[in-house]
Amino acid sequence: MPFIHIELVEGRSLEARQAMAHEVIDVVAKHTGAPVEHIHVIINEMRKEDYVHLEAAKDSAAN
């Protein structure tokens, strides 16, 4: 029973997240042989201000 966790910065529509989850399920099923009804995708969204990327942090520190 695969569980796939995806972390995203907020801002994508429900339709986009659902489409992504369906494609992930298809790929996992193809490569693991797990039945699609046993594959779970958990999508966690984070606020933009709660995410720091190294390059963005460098740019922010330089200003």
C-alpha atoms as a PDB file:
ATOM      1  CA  MET A   1       0.000   0.000   0.000  1.00  0.00           C
ATOM      2  CA  PRO A   2       2.133   2.913  -1.239  1.00  0.00           C
ATOM      3  CA  PHE A   3       1.766   6.332   0.356  1.00  0.00           C
ATOM      4  CA  ILE A   4       3.193   9.233  -1.645  1.00  0.00           C
ATOM      5  CA  HIS A   5       3.744  12.547   0.124  1.00  0.00           C
ATOM      6  CA  ILE A   6       4.011  15.693  -1.989  1.00  0.00           C
ATOM      7  CA  GLU A   7       4.975  19.064  -0.534  1.00  0.00           C
ATOM      8  CA  LEU A   8       3.932  22.106  -2.581  1.00  0.00           C
ATOM      9  CA  VAL A   9       4.014  25.827  -2.147  1.00  0.00           C
ATOM     10  CA  GLU A  10       0.391  26.974  -2.142  1.00  0.00           C
ATOM     11  CA  GLY A  11      -1.305  28.391  -5.195  1.00  0.00           C
ATOM     12  CA  ARG A  12      -2.333  25.494  -7.418  1.00  0.00           C
ATOM     13  CA  SER A  13      -5.990  24.832  -8.114  1.00  0.00           C
ATOM     14  CA  LEU A  14      -7.810  21.792  -6.803  1.00  0.00           C
ATOM     15  CA  GLU A  15      -8.107  20.557 -10.384  1.00  0.00           C
ATOM     16  CA  ALA A  16      -4.333  20.842 -10.911  1.00  0.00           C
ATOM     17  CA  ARG A  17      -3.585  18.997  -7.654  1.00  0.00           C
ATOM     18  CA  GLN A  18      -6.070  16.249  -8.491  1.00  0.00           C
ATOM     19  CA  ALA A  19      -4.646  15.836 -12.010  1.00  0.00           C
ATOM     20  CA  MET A  20      -1.136  15.583 -10.576  1.00  0.00           C
ATOM     21  CA  ALA A  21      -2.265  13.014  -7.991  1.00  0.00           C
ATOM     22  CA  HIS A  22      -3.928  10.862 -10.665  1.00  0.00           C
ATOM     23  CA  GLU A  23      -0.777  10.890 -12.802  1.00  0.00           C
ATOM     24  CA  VAL A  24       1.386  10.016  -9.793  1.00  0.00           C
ATOM     25  CA  ILE A  25      -0.947   7.130  -8.957  1.00  0.00           C
ATOM     26  CA  ASP A  26      -0.730   5.832 -12.530  1.00  0.00           C
ATOM     27  CA  VAL A  27       3.081   5.949 -12.533  1.00  0.00           C
ATOM     28  CA  VAL A  28       3.396   4.293  -9.122  1.00  0.00           C
ATOM     29  CA  ALA A  29       0.957   1.553 -10.157  1.00  0.00           C
ATOM     30  CA  LYS A  30       2.887   0.969 -13.379  1.00  0.00           C
ATOM     31  CA  HIS A  31       6.265   0.637 -11.666  1.00  0.00           C
ATOM     32  CA  THR A  32       5.241  -1.166  -8.465  1.00  0.00           C
ATOM     33  CA  GLY A  33       2.364  -3.316  -9.617  1.00  0.00           C
ATOM     34  CA  ALA A  34       0.269  -1.988  -6.739  1.00  0.00           C
ATOM     35  CA  PRO A  35      -3.437  -1.708  -7.472  1.00  0.00           C
ATOM     36  CA  VAL A  36      -4.479   1.923  -7.954  1.00  0.00           C
ATOM     37  CA  GLU A  37      -7.104   1.604  -5.236  1.00  0.00           C
ATOM     38  CA  HIS A  38      -4.305   0.900  -2.734  1.00  0.00           C
ATOM     39  CA  ILE A  39      -2.158   3.921  -3.646  1.00  0.00           C
ATOM     40  CA  HIS A  40      -2.546   7.053  -1.556  1.00  0.00           C
ATOM     41  CA  VAL A  41      -1.317  10.549  -2.391  1.00  0.00           C
ATOM     42  CA  ILE A  42      -1.028  13.094   0.402  1.00  0.00           C
ATOM     43  CA  ILE A  43      -0.525  16.668  -0.737  1.00  0.00           C
ATOM     44  CA  ASN A  44       0.630  19.194   1.839  1.00  0.00           C
ATOM     45  CA  GLU A  45       0.574  22.833   0.872  1.00  0.00           C
ATOM     46  CA  MET A  46       2.706  25.392   2.623  1.00  0.00           C
ATOM     47  CA  ARG A  47       2.460  29.153   2.652  1.00  0.00           C
ATOM     48  CA  LYS A  48       5.028  30.913   0.497  1.00  0.00           C
ATOM     49  CA  GLU A  49       6.428  32.718   3.528  1.00  0.00           C
ATOM     50  CA  ASP A  50       7.028  29.373   5.279  1.00  0.00           C
ATOM     51  CA  TYR A  51       9.328  28.139   2.531  1.00  0.00           C
ATOM     52  CA  VAL A  52      12.904  29.319   2.038  1.00  0.00           C
ATOM     53  CA  HIS A  53      15.028  28.343  -0.922  1.00  0.00           C
ATOM     54  CA  LEU A  54      18.783  28.850  -0.603  1.00  0.00           C
ATOM     55  CA  GLU A  55      19.075  31.223  -3.591  1.00  0.00           C
ATOM     56  CA  ALA A  56      16.087  33.279  -2.447  1.00  0.00           C
ATOM     57  CA  ALA A  57      17.592  33.508   1.048  1.00  0.00           C
ATOM     58  CA  LYS A  58      20.900  34.732  -0.413  1.00  0.00           C
ATOM     59  CA  ASP A  59      19.111  37.389  -2.503  1.00  0.00           C
ATOM     60  CA  SER A  60      17.122  38.512   0.530  1.00  0.00           C
ATOM     61  CA  ALA A  61      20.259  38.767   2.698  1.00  0.00           C
ATOM     62  CA  ALA A  62      22.077  40.797   0.040  1.00  0.00           C
ATOM     63  CA  ASN A  63      19.339  43.483   0.004  1.00  0.00           C
END
